[in-house]
Amino acid sequence: MKTSWRSASLAATGAALLALTTACGQDTGAQNTTGQNVGNASKAQGGYGSSGSDAYGSSGDSSASPAAKAEPAGQLAAWDSKKLGKVLTDSKGMTLYRFDKDTAKPPKSTCDAACLKTWPAVPASGAEAPTGVDSALLGSVAAADGTKQLTVAGWPVYRYAMDTSPGDAKGQGVGGVWFAAAPNGKKASPAAAAAPADPKGLSTRKDPKLGEIVVDKNGMTVYRFLKDSAWPIKSNCVGACATKWPAVEPVAKNDTKSIPLKGFMAFTRPDGGKQQTLNCWPVYTFSGDKKPGDTNGQGVGGTWYAASPAGKPVGAPK
């Protein structure tokens, strides 16, 4: 009986020790003696596993992300993203990307075989230009896997394996080198979306926050000044104010797009210059706006607001 008790005690102690050792081994990985898994973990830490990314922004771990299929692009299209502007997509609405380490002149893909597992090359065969885009911008280049890869304005284009639904743009900015492509082959950007496709002296654009507002021929936001008057037409922005808020010069009626012509006229400013009006209200641009799409003048001093096509100050207190 004594021997049996001692044997049982030793067995229980051994089982407890084994359980403790197993638990610790699972937590730290220190008990793995095969070498294979430890080697894989080291590789992941080096940038090819799900915990990091290599120079291509790739995971390198086929179990971390499913490889996207190199399906034909078909009829290319563009969708308006509030954050990215106009984004180039394939016929299924999947975002297409470009890689900063590639070149457009001459076209060259530098995404190697490992990279292509995460960023599949888009086949050139059967691809058609988006509506309104010159088909001459489409071309092809040899990818590392032998694919005849689609190029747009010379830039090779790719899909991203982690994008699973139309409208996904999870590859945007990955590694600081991958970016959604615009329909013209450039990087997608809100500024590019803001610029009118067919610039006129005055036209409109859809601002994500303000709605439809007026822009000049350069795509710059047009403003109203609440201290002005419409009848009689008068500008109260003179001197230093006129330097900060340049008056919109007269625009011919046939050089407008989506602008109501009621009250669309020019008048003589207090300084002798000519200025355009919308519905009889003087309009301006803002020196603080540096690029198309900027609305830095909105709400300044509680008196400056973007102008609607009807000449109303968008967002002004009622």
Protein backbone atom coordinates (compact mmCIF):
# COMPACT_ATOMS: atom_id res chain seq x y z
CA MET A 1 0.00 0.00 0.00
CA LYS A 2 2.89 2.33 0.85
CA THR A 3 4.59 1.61 -2.46
CA SER A 4 1.37 2.22 -4.37
CA TRP A 5 0.81 5.53 -2.58
CA ARG A 6 4.36 6.66 -3.39
CA SER A 7 4.00 5.67 -7.05
CA ALA A 8 0.70 7.48 -7.35
CA SER A 9 2.17 10.57 -5.71
CA LEU A 10 5.12 10.63 -8.10
CA ALA A 11 2.81 10.14 -11.06
CA ALA A 12 0.56 12.99 -9.95
CA THR A 13 3.52 15.27 -9.40
CA GLY A 14 4.91 14.38 -12.83
CA ALA A 15 1.57 15.07 -14.50
CA ALA A 16 1.27 18.43 -12.78
CA LEU A 17 4.82 19.35 -13.79
CA LEU A 18 4.13 18.28 -17.38
CA ALA A 19 0.94 20.39 -17.49
CA LEU A 20 2.78 23.41 -16.11
CA THR A 21 5.65 22.96 -18.59
CA THR A 22 3.21 22.61 -21.49
CA ALA A 23 1.32 25.76 -20.51
CA CYS A 24 4.53 27.78 -20.22
CA GLY A 25 5.76 26.41 -23.52
CA GLN A 26 2.55 27.50 -25.25
CA ASP A 27 2.86 30.97 -23.80
CA THR A 28 6.49 31.63 -24.73
CA GLY A 29 7.27 29.17 -27.50
CA ALA A 30 10.44 28.17 -25.59
CA GLN A 31 9.53 24.46 -25.46
CA ASN A 32 9.52 24.02 -29.27
CA THR A 33 12.44 21.74 -30.04
CA THR A 34 11.83 21.05 -33.74
CA GLY A 35 13.38 24.36 -34.88
CA GLN A 36 10.96 24.78 -37.78
CA ASN A 37 8.31 26.90 -36.08
CA VAL A 38 10.90 28.98 -34.28
CA GLY A 39 12.49 29.75 -37.62
CA ASN A 40 9.13 30.82 -39.06
CA ALA A 41 8.52 33.12 -36.09
CA SER A 42 11.87 34.75 -36.63
CA LYS A 43 11.01 35.34 -40.25
CA ALA A 44 7.70 36.94 -39.27
CA GLN A 45 9.48 39.33 -36.97
CA GLY A 46 11.74 40.22 -39.86
CA GLY A 47 8.82 41.70 -41.73
CA TYR A 48 7.19 38.85 -43.65
CA GLY A 49 4.58 37.71 -41.16
CA SER A 50 1.25 39.08 -40.07
CA SER A 51 2.96 41.13 -37.35
CA GLY A 52 4.85 43.26 -39.83
CA SER A 53 5.41 44.09 -43.50
CA ASP A 54 8.34 44.12 -45.86
CA ALA A 55 9.44 46.87 -48.22
CA TYR A 56 6.52 45.99 -50.45
CA GLY A 57 3.94 46.28 -47.68
CA SER A 58 3.41 42.52 -48.09
CA SER A 59 2.76 40.13 -45.22
CA GLY A 60 4.64 37.31 -46.91
CA ASP A 61 2.57 34.87 -44.87
CA SER A 62 0.07 33.11 -47.10
CA SER A 63 -1.96 32.13 -44.02
CA ALA A 64 -2.23 35.78 -42.91
CA SER A 65 -4.06 37.00 -45.99
CA PRO A 66 -5.67 35.21 -48.94
CA ALA A 67 -3.98 35.95 -52.25
CA ALA A 68 -6.26 37.88 -54.57
CA LYS A 69 -6.83 36.29 -57.94
CA ALA A 70 -5.34 37.91 -61.04
CA GLU A 71 -8.75 38.27 -62.64
CA PRO A 72 -9.28 40.41 -65.76
CA ALA A 73 -10.12 44.02 -64.94
CA GLY A 74 -12.80 44.38 -67.61
CA GLN A 75 -14.48 47.78 -67.86
CA LEU A 76 -12.56 50.12 -65.57
CA ALA A 77 -14.49 52.73 -63.61
CA ALA A 78 -13.99 55.46 -61.04
CA TRP A 79 -15.77 56.05 -57.75
CA ASP A 80 -15.76 59.18 -55.62
CA SER A 81 -14.22 58.63 -52.22
CA LYS A 82 -14.69 61.38 -49.65
CA LYS A 83 -11.20 60.72 -48.32
CA LEU A 84 -9.31 59.81 -51.48
CA GLY A 85 -11.09 61.58 -54.34
CA LYS A 86 -11.64 59.70 -57.61
CA VAL A 87 -10.39 56.12 -57.30
CA LEU A 88 -9.78 53.73 -60.21
CA THR A 89 -11.56 50.38 -59.91
CA ASP A 90 -12.02 47.23 -61.95
CA SER A 91 -15.39 46.12 -63.31
CA LYS A 92 -16.34 44.69 -59.90
CA GLY A 93 -15.60 47.90 -58.05
CA MET A 94 -12.33 46.69 -56.49
CA THR A 95 -9.74 49.40 -55.87
CA LEU A 96 -6.64 49.41 -58.08
CA TYR A 97 -3.29 50.57 -56.72
CA ARG A 98 0.09 51.86 -57.84
CA PHE A 99 3.52 51.29 -56.25
CA ASP A 100 5.95 54.16 -55.64
CA LYS A 101 8.95 51.93 -56.37
CA ASP A 102 7.71 51.28 -59.92
CA THR A 103 8.38 53.67 -62.78
CA ALA A 104 6.10 55.04 -65.51
CA LYS A 105 8.79 56.28 -67.92
CA PRO A 106 9.67 53.64 -68.92
CA PRO A 107 6.91 51.46 -67.47
CA LYS A 108 8.48 48.99 -65.01
CA SER A 109 7.09 46.76 -62.27
CA THR A 110 9.42 46.15 -59.30
CA CYS A 111 6.94 44.02 -57.32
CA ASP A 112 8.65 40.60 -57.20
CA ALA A 113 7.04 37.15 -56.93
CA ALA A 114 6.66 37.35 -53.13
CA CYS A 115 5.22 40.84 -53.40
CA LEU A 116 2.69 39.72 -56.02
CA LYS A 117 1.12 37.30 -53.53
CA THR A 118 -0.21 40.32 -51.64
CA TRP A 119 -0.40 42.74 -54.56
CA PRO A 120 -1.53 40.74 -57.62
CA ALA A 121 -0.78 42.35 -60.96
CA VAL A 122 -3.91 43.38 -62.87
CA PRO A 123 -3.94 41.66 -66.29
CA ALA A 124 -3.94 44.03 -69.25
CA SER A 125 -6.00 41.72 -71.44
CA GLY A 126 -9.60 42.87 -71.86
CA ALA A 127 -9.22 46.05 -69.81
CA GLU A 128 -11.21 49.03 -71.08
CA ALA A 129 -10.71 52.68 -70.13
CA PRO A 130 -13.19 54.34 -67.75
CA THR A 131 -15.81 56.62 -69.27
CA GLY A 132 -14.28 59.97 -70.12
CA VAL A 133 -10.68 58.71 -69.92
CA ASP A 134 -8.50 58.48 -73.02
CA SER A 135 -7.94 54.80 -73.88
CA ALA A 136 -4.42 55.74 -74.98
CA LEU A 137 -3.51 55.94 -71.28
CA LEU A 138 -3.85 52.15 -71.02
CA GLY A 139 -0.84 49.96 -71.77
CA SER A 140 0.99 46.91 -70.48
CA VAL A 141 4.26 45.78 -68.97
CA ALA A 142 5.72 42.39 -67.99
CA ALA A 143 5.19 41.52 -64.32
CA ALA A 144 7.53 39.24 -62.32
CA ASP A 145 5.11 36.29 -62.61
CA GLY A 146 4.91 36.61 -66.38
CA THR A 147 1.58 38.42 -66.35
CA LYS A 148 1.03 41.01 -69.05
CA GLN A 149 0.23 43.69 -66.48
CA LEU A 150 -2.06 46.65 -67.06
CA THR A 151 -0.51 50.12 -66.92
CA VAL A 152 -2.31 53.46 -66.66
CA ALA A 153 -0.29 56.43 -67.92
CA GLY A 154 2.70 54.10 -67.69
CA TRP A 155 2.12 53.07 -64.06
CA PRO A 156 1.63 49.33 -63.41
CA VAL A 157 -1.56 48.70 -61.41
CA TYR A 158 -2.37 46.08 -58.79
CA ARG A 159 -5.13 44.80 -56.54
CA TYR A 160 -4.67 44.25 -52.78
CA ALA A 161 -5.30 40.82 -51.26
CA MET A 162 -6.88 42.27 -48.10
CA ASP A 163 -9.57 44.15 -50.04
CA THR A 164 -12.57 41.84 -50.03
CA SER A 165 -15.49 44.07 -51.01
CA PRO A 166 -16.12 46.79 -53.62
CA GLY A 167 -15.10 50.14 -52.19
CA ASP A 168 -12.44 48.68 -49.87
CA ALA A 169 -9.18 50.63 -49.94
CA LYS A 170 -7.25 48.90 -47.15
CA GLY A 171 -4.05 49.12 -49.19
CA GLN A 172 -4.01 52.92 -49.14
CA GLY A 173 -0.70 54.13 -47.72
CA VAL A 174 0.62 50.65 -46.84
CA GLY A 175 4.36 50.86 -46.22
CA GLY A 176 4.26 54.47 -47.35
CA VAL A 177 4.61 53.21 -50.93
CA TRP A 178 1.20 51.84 -51.98
CA PHE A 179 -1.58 54.20 -53.01
CA ALA A 180 -4.99 54.00 -54.68
CA ALA A 181 -4.71 55.02 -58.33
CA ALA A 182 -6.74 57.79 -59.92
CA PRO A 183 -8.28 57.23 -63.40
CA ASN A 184 -5.41 59.20 -64.97
CA GLY A 185 -2.75 57.00 -63.35
CA LYS A 186 -1.77 59.52 -60.69
CA LYS A 187 -2.28 58.92 -56.98
CA ALA A 188 -5.88 59.46 -55.94
CA SER A 189 -6.32 62.66 -53.94
CA PRO A 190 -9.20 64.89 -52.82
CA ALA A 191 -7.55 67.88 -54.52
CA ALA A 192 -7.60 66.08 -57.86
CA ALA A 193 -11.28 65.29 -57.34
CA ALA A 194 -12.06 68.89 -56.50
CA ALA A 195 -10.67 70.32 -59.73
CA PRO A 196 -13.41 70.63 -62.39
CA ALA A 197 -13.16 68.06 -65.17
CA ASP A 198 -14.15 70.74 -67.67
CA PRO A 199 -12.93 74.02 -66.14
CA LYS A 200 -15.04 77.09 -66.75
CA GLY A 201 -14.75 80.66 -65.58
CA LEU A 202 -17.16 79.69 -62.81
CA SER A 203 -18.58 76.24 -62.10
CA THR A 204 -19.53 74.10 -59.10
CA ARG A 205 -18.24 71.12 -57.15
CA LYS A 206 -19.60 68.87 -54.43
CA ASP A 207 -17.79 69.53 -51.18
CA PRO A 208 -18.10 66.63 -48.68
CA LYS A 209 -18.96 69.01 -45.83
CA LEU A 210 -20.56 72.04 -47.49
CA GLY A 211 -22.43 70.52 -50.42
CA GLU A 212 -22.54 72.23 -53.82
CA ILE A 213 -20.37 75.34 -53.87
CA VAL A 214 -18.97 77.62 -56.57
CA VAL A 215 -15.36 77.40 -57.78
CA ASP A 216 -13.38 79.50 -60.24
CA LYS A 217 -11.60 78.25 -63.37
CA ASN A 218 -8.73 76.94 -61.24
CA GLY A 219 -11.02 74.98 -58.94
CA MET A 220 -10.56 77.46 -56.07
CA THR A 221 -13.48 78.05 -53.70
CA VAL A 222 -15.54 81.23 -54.22
CA TYR A 223 -16.81 83.16 -51.17
CA ARG A 224 -19.44 85.68 -50.04
CA PHE A 225 -18.87 88.52 -47.54
CA LEU A 226 -21.81 89.16 -45.21
CA LYS A 227 -20.99 92.87 -44.92
CA ASP A 228 -21.58 93.45 -48.64
CA SER A 229 -24.94 94.39 -50.12
CA ALA A 230 -26.73 93.12 -53.22
CA TRP A 231 -28.92 96.11 -53.96
CA PRO A 232 -27.39 98.48 -54.44
CA ILE A 233 -24.49 96.19 -55.33
CA LYS A 234 -21.59 97.15 -53.10
CA SER A 235 -18.34 95.59 -51.88
CA ASN A 236 -17.17 96.54 -48.40
CA CYS A 237 -13.92 94.61 -48.77
CA VAL A 238 -11.28 97.17 -49.76
CA GLY A 239 -7.65 97.92 -48.99
CA ALA A 240 -5.95 95.15 -46.98
CA CYS A 241 -9.17 93.14 -47.09
CA ALA A 242 -9.10 93.09 -50.89
CA THR A 243 -5.55 91.72 -50.81
CA LYS A 244 -6.56 88.88 -48.52
CA TRP A 245 -9.84 88.27 -50.35
CA PRO A 246 -9.23 88.93 -54.09
CA ALA A 247 -12.34 89.92 -56.03
CA VAL A 248 -13.48 87.46 -58.70
CA GLU A 249 -12.99 89.19 -62.02
CA PRO A 250 -15.92 89.42 -64.49
CA VAL A 251 -16.82 86.14 -66.20
CA ALA A 252 -18.74 85.79 -69.48
CA LYS A 253 -22.12 84.09 -69.11
CA ASN A 254 -21.21 81.46 -71.67
CA ASP A 255 -18.08 80.64 -69.64
CA THR A 256 -20.03 79.18 -66.73
CA LYS A 257 -21.29 75.73 -65.83
CA SER A 258 -24.21 75.00 -63.46
CA ILE A 259 -24.39 78.70 -62.48
CA PRO A 260 -27.84 80.44 -62.48
CA LEU A 261 -27.67 83.57 -64.65
CA LYS A 262 -30.22 85.54 -62.62
CA GLY A 263 -28.35 88.50 -61.13
CA PHE A 264 -25.14 87.31 -62.79
CA MET A 265 -23.43 90.62 -63.58
CA ALA A 266 -20.29 92.65 -63.02
CA PHE A 267 -20.05 95.96 -61.18
CA THR A 268 -17.47 98.64 -60.46
CA ARG A 269 -15.78 98.34 -57.07
CA PRO A 270 -14.94 101.30 -54.78
CA ASP A 271 -11.30 101.00 -55.90
CA GLY A 272 -12.33 101.24 -59.56
CA GLY A 273 -11.85 97.57 -60.43
CA LYS A 274 -14.50 95.28 -61.91
CA GLN A 275 -15.96 92.41 -59.91
CA GLN A 276 -18.30 89.49 -60.65
CA THR A 277 -21.52 88.87 -58.71
CA LEU A 278 -23.74 85.87 -58.10
CA ASN A 279 -27.39 86.89 -57.81
CA CYS A 280 -26.07 90.45 -57.42
CA TRP A 281 -23.77 89.54 -54.51
CA PRO A 282 -20.02 90.31 -54.92
CA VAL A 283 -17.85 87.18 -54.81
CA TYR A 284 -14.22 86.55 -53.89
CA THR A 285 -11.51 83.92 -53.52
CA PHE A 286 -9.31 83.53 -50.42
CA SER A 287 -5.53 83.94 -50.32
CA GLY A 288 -5.40 81.32 -47.58
CA ASP A 289 -6.62 78.60 -49.96
CA LYS A 290 -3.55 77.02 -51.55
CA LYS A 291 -5.02 74.30 -53.73
CA PRO A 292 -8.31 73.25 -55.34
CA GLY A 293 -10.67 71.86 -52.73
CA ASP A 294 -9.41 74.08 -49.90
CA THR A 295 -12.13 75.86 -47.91
CA ASN A 296 -9.91 77.60 -45.37
CA GLY A 297 -11.97 80.79 -45.67
CA GLN A 298 -15.17 79.14 -44.49
CA GLY A 299 -16.56 80.96 -41.46
CA VAL A 300 -13.60 83.34 -41.07
CA GLY A 301 -14.56 86.18 -38.75
CA GLY A 302 -18.14 84.97 -38.81
CA THR A 303 -18.55 86.96 -42.06
CA TRP A 304 -17.00 84.88 -44.86
CA TYR A 305 -18.71 81.80 -46.31
CA ALA A 306 -18.47 79.67 -49.44
CA ALA A 307 -20.97 80.75 -52.08
CA SER A 308 -23.72 78.50 -53.36
CA PRO A 309 -24.64 78.58 -57.09
CA ALA A 310 -27.54 80.87 -56.14
CA GLY A 311 -25.14 83.26 -54.43
CA LYS A 312 -26.12 82.34 -50.87
CA PRO A 313 -23.48 82.05 -48.10
CA VAL A 314 -23.29 78.33 -47.32
CA GLY A 315 -23.43 77.60 -43.60
CA ALA A 316 -23.95 81.22 -42.53
CA PRO A 317 -26.13 81.82 -39.45
CA LYS A 318 -29.73 82.60 -40.34
